[in-house]
Amino acid sequence: MQLREFQVEGYRSLKSIRFPVDTLTVLVGENGVGKSNLYRALSLLQRAAEGTITEAIAEEGGLESVLWAGSRERVTQRLVLTAIFNELTYRLEIGPPGVGEPALDQEPMIRAERLTLGYRDISVVLLERKGPKLWLRDDRGTSQRFEGELLASEPALAAIRDAARYPELHLIRRALASWRLYHAFDTGPASALRRPASAVSRASLAPDGRDLASVLATVMLMKQQPEPIRRAFAEAFKGSDLMVESSEGQCRLSVRTREIDRPFGMGELSDGTLRYLCMIGALMGLRPPPFMAFNEPEASLHPELMAPLASLMAAAAKESQIWVVTHSEVFAGLLAQAAGTAPRRVAKINGATEVDVSALRQGATPLSPAALVA
């Protein structure tokens, strides 16, 4: 189930923004214009499916920190997230407690929630929540009020799990839960990326990349398809070979180069090499997620790695929806060349983040990786 449009209102610098989502969506803009807020808004939507969105807001500092504030005064007391899939649209509103309403101190609360099914010119409401009142339409088309107990901070999307009776609700929850959002892989000395992973088959990479060795071993050893991954690594790191082994209940990666006789283990690899391996793991796993979002994936990578990374993402976009947030005009241009998809410009106008859905100016040819390091 593909995400077609995404809308955010009242979140940080996102006063009101709506734009289409493609098979490969590239958002490019300078630092400080609110690109990361778009990525965070996606994360909040996924947390709604997990039932922890209000917890996520509290982790960000609470409603006072996340709600849109204009240049002079606050203009909204609601955060609204809307995801439009094929025929299904899910909308969630979060705000503060009302006067006299039972709630913990400054607790974010679900103020409204709606799931609709659109067919031609007809829109059918499958879920409608307004404050404490919730109505649901079941698989027989019968609409009735929900009589169970539902916390004011708990999305119905996560709480109601009767897939047979409410199949569309189940589809939305499963779709959002399957998303993977990748940002700033930790490659420090104590990182799990620098240690062997459990010898357990993994179909897709965890958000923090901790199971990288298992993900690559699943494809290269268990499925006996090592060549595509080894070729992707060799194209990025000329003269190097990626190796994977599984022994004593653990999976290990190592890299062999032309210059050194012995292979380098994961604890010896550079930060950039490890991060690029994470990109390979995310994009070339056995079963890549249907939707993946990357926040500045080119960060900390050598400029020569941008072109092969763009090619990997363009290839992955044939099977999964890919969302990329970047401040690099060069990387955005390389993605456009590889996939034929125009990037979308992100800018801040009068304090509010805006997305230009038209193509970037035509005729601007991105520099080649060789020119960047010349």
Protein backbone atom coordinates (compact mmCIF):
# COMPACT_ATOMS: atom_id res chain seq x y z
CA MET A 1 0.00 0.00 0.00
CA GLN A 2 1.67 3.18 -1.22
CA LEU A 3 1.69 6.57 0.46
CA ARG A 4 0.32 9.07 -2.08
CA GLU A 5 0.21 12.35 -0.14
CA PHE A 6 1.38 13.61 3.21
CA GLN A 7 0.04 16.58 5.13
CA VAL A 8 1.25 18.22 8.35
CA GLU A 9 -0.25 21.14 10.23
CA GLY A 10 1.01 22.86 13.35
CA TYR A 11 4.28 20.96 13.87
CA ARG A 12 7.41 23.02 14.62
CA SER A 13 8.15 25.00 11.43
CA LEU A 14 5.42 23.18 9.48
CA LYS A 15 2.47 25.56 9.69
CA SER A 16 0.47 23.83 6.96
CA ILE A 17 2.09 21.74 4.29
CA ARG A 18 0.82 19.13 1.84
CA PHE A 19 2.56 17.51 -1.08
CA PRO A 20 2.49 14.33 -3.17
CA VAL A 21 4.80 11.41 -2.38
CA ASP A 22 6.43 9.64 -5.33
CA THR A 23 8.23 6.32 -5.63
CA LEU A 24 11.36 8.40 -5.01
CA THR A 25 10.78 11.66 -3.16
CA VAL A 26 13.82 13.91 -2.77
CA LEU A 27 13.59 17.01 -0.55
CA VAL A 28 16.52 19.39 -0.85
CA GLY A 29 17.20 22.65 0.93
CA GLU A 30 19.62 24.60 3.06
CA ASN A 31 20.25 23.91 6.72
CA GLY A 32 17.62 25.36 9.05
CA VAL A 33 14.67 25.43 6.62
CA GLY A 34 12.79 22.59 8.32
CA LYS A 35 13.69 19.53 6.21
CA SER A 36 14.29 17.42 9.30
CA ASN A 37 10.88 18.41 10.66
CA LEU A 38 9.30 16.70 7.65
CA TYR A 39 11.28 13.58 8.49
CA ARG A 40 10.28 13.83 12.17
CA ALA A 41 6.63 14.19 11.20
CA LEU A 42 6.89 10.89 9.32
CA SER A 43 8.35 9.34 12.44
CA LEU A 44 5.44 10.63 14.54
CA LEU A 45 2.98 9.04 12.14
CA GLN A 46 4.73 5.71 12.53
CA ARG A 47 4.70 6.12 16.31
CA ALA A 48 0.91 6.55 16.07
CA ALA A 49 0.69 3.04 14.62
CA GLU A 50 2.79 1.79 17.52
CA GLY A 51 0.59 3.62 20.03
CA THR A 52 3.46 5.79 21.31
CA ILE A 53 2.98 9.08 19.48
CA THR A 54 2.09 11.06 22.60
CA GLU A 55 5.13 9.55 24.30
CA ALA A 56 7.26 10.67 21.34
CA ILE A 57 5.90 14.21 21.67
CA ALA A 58 6.71 14.19 25.38
CA GLU A 59 10.24 13.07 24.51
CA GLU A 60 10.58 16.09 22.22
CA GLY A 61 9.74 18.42 25.10
CA GLY A 62 5.94 18.22 25.06
CA LEU A 63 3.34 20.11 23.10
CA GLU A 64 4.82 23.46 24.07
CA SER A 65 7.97 22.51 22.17
CA VAL A 66 6.48 20.87 19.10
CA LEU A 67 3.45 23.00 18.21
CA TRP A 68 3.83 25.62 15.49
CA ALA A 69 4.56 29.10 16.76
CA GLY A 70 4.46 32.04 14.37
CA SER A 71 6.94 34.88 14.43
CA ARG A 72 4.80 36.85 16.89
CA GLU A 73 2.28 34.53 18.45
CA ARG A 74 1.12 30.94 18.58
CA VAL A 75 -1.45 30.35 15.87
CA THR A 76 -2.50 26.79 16.60
CA GLN A 77 -3.10 24.46 19.49
CA ARG A 78 -3.35 21.34 17.35
CA LEU A 79 -0.87 19.09 15.60
CA VAL A 80 -2.48 17.41 12.59
CA LEU A 81 -0.97 14.53 10.59
CA THR A 82 -2.67 13.18 7.46
CA ALA A 83 -1.51 10.24 5.36
CA ILE A 84 -3.28 9.54 2.07
CA PHE A 85 -2.73 6.06 0.67
CA ASN A 86 -4.50 4.54 -2.35
CA GLU A 87 -8.14 4.65 -1.26
CA LEU A 88 -7.58 5.13 2.47
CA THR A 89 -6.91 8.40 4.30
CA TYR A 90 -5.84 8.54 7.94
CA ARG A 91 -5.97 11.81 9.89
CA LEU A 92 -4.85 12.37 13.48
CA GLU A 93 -5.16 15.52 15.61
CA ILE A 94 -3.27 15.99 18.86
CA GLY A 95 -3.67 18.85 21.32
CA PRO A 96 -3.68 19.80 25.00
CA PRO A 97 -6.40 18.77 27.49
CA GLY A 98 -9.51 20.91 27.69
CA VAL A 99 -10.50 22.87 30.79
CA GLY A 100 -11.54 20.44 33.51
CA GLU A 101 -10.68 17.42 31.36
CA PRO A 102 -8.96 14.61 33.32
CA ALA A 103 -5.35 14.32 32.17
CA LEU A 104 -1.84 14.28 33.53
CA ASP A 105 0.04 17.56 33.63
CA GLN A 106 0.52 18.95 30.09
CA GLU A 107 -0.28 15.54 28.61
CA PRO A 108 -0.67 15.42 24.81
CA MET A 109 -4.09 14.04 23.95
CA ILE A 110 -5.79 12.61 20.88
CA ARG A 111 -8.37 15.27 20.01
CA ALA A 112 -9.64 13.73 16.78
CA GLU A 113 -8.95 10.71 14.59
CA ARG A 114 -10.48 9.67 11.30
CA LEU A 115 -10.09 6.92 8.73
CA THR A 116 -11.96 7.23 5.44
CA LEU A 117 -12.31 5.05 2.38
CA GLY A 118 -12.62 6.88 -0.91
CA TYR A 119 -14.16 5.19 -3.93
CA ARG A 120 -14.81 7.32 -7.01
CA ASP A 121 -16.90 10.22 -5.70
CA ILE A 122 -17.94 8.44 -2.51
CA SER A 123 -16.18 8.81 0.85
CA VAL A 124 -17.03 6.33 3.61
CA VAL A 125 -16.01 7.06 7.20
CA LEU A 126 -14.59 3.90 8.75
CA LEU A 127 -13.40 5.46 12.01
CA GLU A 128 -14.44 8.74 13.60
CA ARG A 129 -13.11 9.94 16.93
CA LYS A 130 -13.88 13.23 18.57
CA GLY A 131 -12.45 13.54 22.04
CA PRO A 132 -13.59 10.54 24.11
CA LYS A 133 -16.24 9.42 21.60
CA LEU A 134 -15.33 6.86 18.94
CA TRP A 135 -17.41 5.29 16.16
CA LEU A 136 -16.28 2.40 13.98
CA ARG A 137 -17.65 0.78 10.81
CA ASP A 138 -17.00 -2.97 10.75
CA ASP A 139 -16.50 -5.42 7.89
CA ARG A 140 -20.28 -5.71 7.42
CA GLY A 141 -20.69 -1.97 6.99
CA THR A 142 -22.31 -1.49 10.40
CA SER A 143 -21.36 1.69 12.26
CA GLN A 144 -21.49 1.69 16.02
CA ARG A 145 -19.97 3.46 18.99
CA PHE A 146 -16.92 1.87 20.57
CA GLU A 147 -17.70 0.91 24.16
CA GLY A 148 -14.24 -0.25 25.22
CA GLU A 149 -11.77 1.70 27.31
CA LEU A 150 -9.44 3.95 25.34
CA LEU A 151 -6.91 6.32 26.92
CA ALA A 152 -7.05 9.92 25.75
CA SER A 153 -3.35 9.68 24.85
CA GLU A 154 -3.81 6.44 22.89
CA PRO A 155 -4.54 6.35 19.14
CA ALA A 156 -7.39 4.04 18.17
CA LEU A 157 -5.22 3.03 15.22
CA ALA A 158 -2.91 1.17 17.61
CA ALA A 159 -5.40 0.14 20.29
CA ILE A 160 -8.05 -1.61 18.17
CA ARG A 161 -6.51 -4.77 16.72
CA ASP A 162 -9.42 -6.83 15.44
CA ALA A 163 -8.14 -7.36 11.89
CA ALA A 164 -11.11 -9.48 10.82
CA ARG A 165 -13.71 -6.97 11.96
CA TYR A 166 -11.84 -3.80 10.99
CA PRO A 167 -9.62 -4.82 8.05
CA GLU A 168 -8.89 -1.30 6.74
CA LEU A 169 -7.68 -0.16 10.15
CA HIS A 170 -5.41 -3.18 10.24
CA LEU A 171 -4.04 -2.37 6.76
CA ILE A 172 -3.13 1.20 7.74
CA ARG A 173 -1.50 0.11 11.00
CA ARG A 174 0.50 -2.64 9.28
CA ALA A 175 1.62 -0.29 6.50
CA LEU A 176 2.88 2.35 8.93
CA ALA A 177 4.51 -0.20 11.21
CA SER A 178 6.47 -1.62 8.26
CA TRP A 179 8.15 1.72 7.49
CA ARG A 180 11.85 2.13 8.19
CA LEU A 181 13.33 5.54 8.95
CA TYR A 182 17.12 5.83 8.90
CA HIS A 183 19.11 8.68 10.38
CA ALA A 184 22.69 9.12 11.63
CA PHE A 185 23.92 5.57 12.13
CA ASP A 186 26.10 5.44 15.24
CA THR A 187 29.59 4.31 14.23
CA GLY A 188 31.45 5.20 17.43
CA PRO A 189 33.84 2.80 19.18
CA ALA A 190 31.02 1.30 21.29
CA SER A 191 28.55 1.02 18.40
CA ALA A 192 26.78 -2.29 17.79
CA LEU A 193 27.82 -1.88 14.15
CA ARG A 194 31.40 -2.64 15.15
CA ARG A 195 30.50 -5.93 16.82
CA PRO A 196 29.35 -9.26 15.37
CA ALA A 197 25.60 -9.73 15.05
CA SER A 198 23.57 -12.75 16.07
CA ALA A 199 23.41 -15.49 13.46
CA VAL A 200 19.69 -14.97 12.94
CA SER A 201 18.19 -14.39 9.51
CA ARG A 202 17.05 -10.80 9.00
CA ALA A 203 14.92 -9.65 6.07
CA SER A 204 15.43 -5.88 6.55
CA LEU A 205 17.77 -3.57 8.43
CA ALA A 206 16.80 -2.23 11.85
CA PRO A 207 16.55 1.58 12.13
CA ASP A 208 19.84 1.79 14.04
CA GLY A 209 21.61 -0.76 11.81
CA ARG A 210 22.55 -3.03 14.71
CA ASP A 211 21.76 -6.17 12.68
CA LEU A 212 23.73 -5.15 9.60
CA ALA A 213 25.93 -8.26 9.52
CA SER A 214 22.88 -10.52 9.88
CA VAL A 215 21.00 -8.72 7.08
CA LEU A 216 23.90 -9.04 4.63
CA ALA A 217 24.63 -12.62 5.69
CA THR A 218 20.99 -13.55 5.06
CA VAL A 219 21.31 -12.52 1.41
CA MET A 220 24.92 -13.50 0.76
CA LEU A 221 25.08 -16.80 2.64
CA MET A 222 21.61 -18.16 3.34
CA LYS A 223 20.13 -17.15 -0.02
CA GLN A 224 23.49 -17.61 -1.76
CA GLN A 225 23.22 -14.33 -3.66
CA PRO A 226 26.49 -12.60 -2.74
CA GLU A 227 27.40 -11.02 -6.06
CA PRO A 228 24.95 -8.04 -6.19
CA ILE A 229 26.01 -6.85 -2.73
CA ARG A 230 29.72 -7.47 -3.34
CA ARG A 231 29.46 -5.65 -6.66
CA ALA A 232 27.68 -2.67 -5.04
CA PHE A 233 30.43 -2.41 -2.45
CA ALA A 234 33.23 -2.77 -5.02
CA GLU A 235 31.73 -0.04 -7.19
CA ALA A 236 31.86 2.35 -4.25
CA PHE A 237 35.23 1.24 -2.87
CA LYS A 238 37.44 0.42 -5.83
CA GLY A 239 39.75 -2.51 -5.30
CA SER A 240 37.97 -3.67 -2.14
CA ASP A 241 36.04 -6.85 -1.49
CA LEU A 242 33.29 -7.36 1.09
CA MET A 243 33.25 -10.69 2.88
CA VAL A 244 30.75 -12.18 5.33
CA GLU A 245 30.92 -15.25 7.53
CA SER A 246 28.67 -17.01 10.00
CA SER A 247 30.25 -19.10 12.74
CA GLU A 248 29.86 -19.82 16.45
CA GLY A 249 26.38 -18.28 16.42
CA GLN A 250 27.56 -14.92 15.06
CA CYS A 251 27.70 -13.09 11.72
CA ARG A 252 30.78 -11.03 10.88
CA LEU A 253 31.71 -8.67 8.06
CA SER A 254 35.20 -7.86 6.87
CA VAL A 255 36.80 -5.94 4.01
CA ARG A 256 39.85 -6.95 2.03
CA THR A 257 41.85 -4.41 0.02
CA ARG A 258 44.58 -4.75 -2.58
CA GLU A 259 47.17 -3.01 -0.43
CA ILE A 260 46.91 -5.05 2.77
CA ASP A 261 47.23 -8.84 3.02
CA ARG A 262 44.85 -9.34 5.94
CA PRO A 263 41.15 -8.36 5.96
CA PHE A 264 39.84 -5.50 8.10
CA GLY A 265 37.15 -6.35 10.65
CA MET A 266 34.16 -4.14 11.42
CA GLY A 267 35.92 -2.64 14.40
CA GLU A 268 38.65 -1.31 12.09
CA LEU A 269 36.52 0.16 9.30
CA SER A 270 36.11 3.90 8.87
CA ASP A 271 32.89 5.63 9.90
CA GLY A 272 32.08 6.36 6.26
CA THR A 273 32.60 2.76 5.20
CA LEU A 274 30.31 1.50 7.94
CA ARG A 275 27.62 4.03 7.09
CA TYR A 276 27.77 3.09 3.43
CA LEU A 277 27.46 -0.57 4.37
CA CYS A 278 24.33 0.38 6.32
CA MET A 279 22.92 1.96 3.17
CA ILE A 280 23.63 -1.25 1.27
CA GLY A 281 21.95 -3.25 4.03
CA ALA A 282 18.87 -1.02 4.04
CA LEU A 283 18.48 -0.91 0.26
CA MET A 284 19.56 -4.45 -0.68
CA GLY A 285 18.19 -6.60 2.13
CA LEU A 286 16.26 -9.76 1.41
CA ARG A 287 12.91 -8.02 1.84
CA PRO A 288 13.33 -4.22 1.85
CA PRO A 289 10.51 -2.33 3.60
CA PRO A 290 7.79 -0.93 1.34
CA PHE A 291 8.65 2.59 2.54
CA MET A 292 12.06 3.90 3.62
CA ALA A 293 13.01 7.42 4.66
CA PHE A 294 16.61 8.66 4.87
CA ASN A 295 17.60 11.87 6.61
CA GLU A 296 20.78 13.28 5.01
CA PRO A 297 22.18 9.87 3.97
CA GLU A 298 25.17 11.52 2.31
CA ALA A 299 26.41 12.99 5.61
CA SER A 300 29.95 11.91 6.54
CA LEU A 301 30.39 10.17 3.20
CA HIS A 302 33.21 11.02 0.80
CA PRO A 303 31.90 12.91 -2.28
CA GLU A 304 32.93 10.02 -4.52
CA LEU A 305 30.36 7.81 -2.76
CA MET A 306 27.42 10.01 -3.70
CA ALA A 307 27.02 8.71 -7.25
CA PRO A 308 27.02 4.99 -6.35
CA LEU A 309 24.65 5.71 -3.44
CA ALA A 310 22.30 7.56 -5.79
CA SER A 311 22.34 4.54 -8.13
CA LEU A 312 21.53 2.19 -5.24
CA MET A 313 18.58 4.34 -4.18
CA ALA A 314 17.25 4.64 -7.72
CA ALA A 315 17.38 0.86 -8.09
CA ALA A 316 15.67 0.32 -4.71
CA ALA A 317 12.90 2.76 -5.67
CA LYS A 318 11.71 0.24 -8.24
CA GLU A 319 10.57 -2.01 -5.38
CA SER A 320 10.08 0.37 -2.42
CA GLN A 321 9.05 3.97 -1.89
CA ILE A 322 12.14 5.99 -1.01
CA TRP A 323 12.04 9.35 0.79
CA VAL A 324 15.31 11.32 0.96
CA VAL A 325 16.00 14.54 2.85
CA THR A 326 19.27 16.24 1.91
CA HIS A 327 20.98 19.62 1.98
CA SER A 328 23.32 18.59 -0.85
CA GLU A 329 22.38 20.01 -4.24
CA VAL A 330 24.92 17.66 -5.82
CA PHE A 331 23.42 14.55 -4.26
CA ALA A 332 19.89 15.67 -5.17
CA GLY A 333 21.05 16.17 -8.75
CA LEU A 334 22.69 12.74 -8.86
CA LEU A 335 19.46 11.16 -7.62
CA ALA A 336 17.58 13.02 -10.35
CA GLN A 337 19.98 11.71 -12.97
CA ALA A 338 19.81 8.14 -11.68
CA ALA A 339 16.03 7.95 -11.25
CA GLY A 340 14.65 10.63 -13.55
CA THR A 341 12.76 12.21 -10.64
CA ALA A 342 12.94 15.95 -10.02
CA PRO A 343 13.86 16.94 -6.45
CA ARG A 344 11.51 19.17 -4.46
CA ARG A 345 12.85 22.42 -3.05
CA VAL A 346 12.34 23.07 0.67
CA ALA A 347 12.53 26.67 1.88
CA LYS A 348 11.41 28.76 4.83
CA ILE A 349 9.06 31.62 4.01
CA ASN A 350 7.96 34.00 6.78
CA GLY A 351 9.10 31.46 9.34
CA ALA A 352 7.16 28.54 7.82
CA THR A 353 8.61 25.59 5.92
CA GLU A 354 7.31 25.28 2.37
CA VAL A 355 7.82 22.60 -0.28
CA ASP A 356 7.88 23.55 -3.94
CA VAL A 357 6.30 20.65 -5.81
CA SER A 358 7.60 21.89 -9.15
CA ALA A 359 10.93 20.71 -10.50
CA LEU A 360 14.16 22.45 -9.68
CA ARG A 361 15.40 24.80 -12.32
CA GLN A 362 16.17 22.93 -15.50
CA GLY A 363 19.55 23.00 -17.13
CA ALA A 364 21.53 22.86 -13.87
CA THR A 365 23.82 19.87 -14.32
CA PRO A 366 25.16 18.41 -11.07
CA LEU A 367 28.92 18.17 -10.70
CA SER A 368 30.42 14.74 -11.07
CA PRO A 369 32.03 13.12 -8.03
CA ALA A 370 35.44 13.51 -9.72
CA ALA A 371 34.90 17.25 -10.09
CA LEU A 372 33.99 17.56 -6.42
CA VAL A 373 37.34 16.25 -5.24
CA ALA A 374 39.43 17.86 -7.94
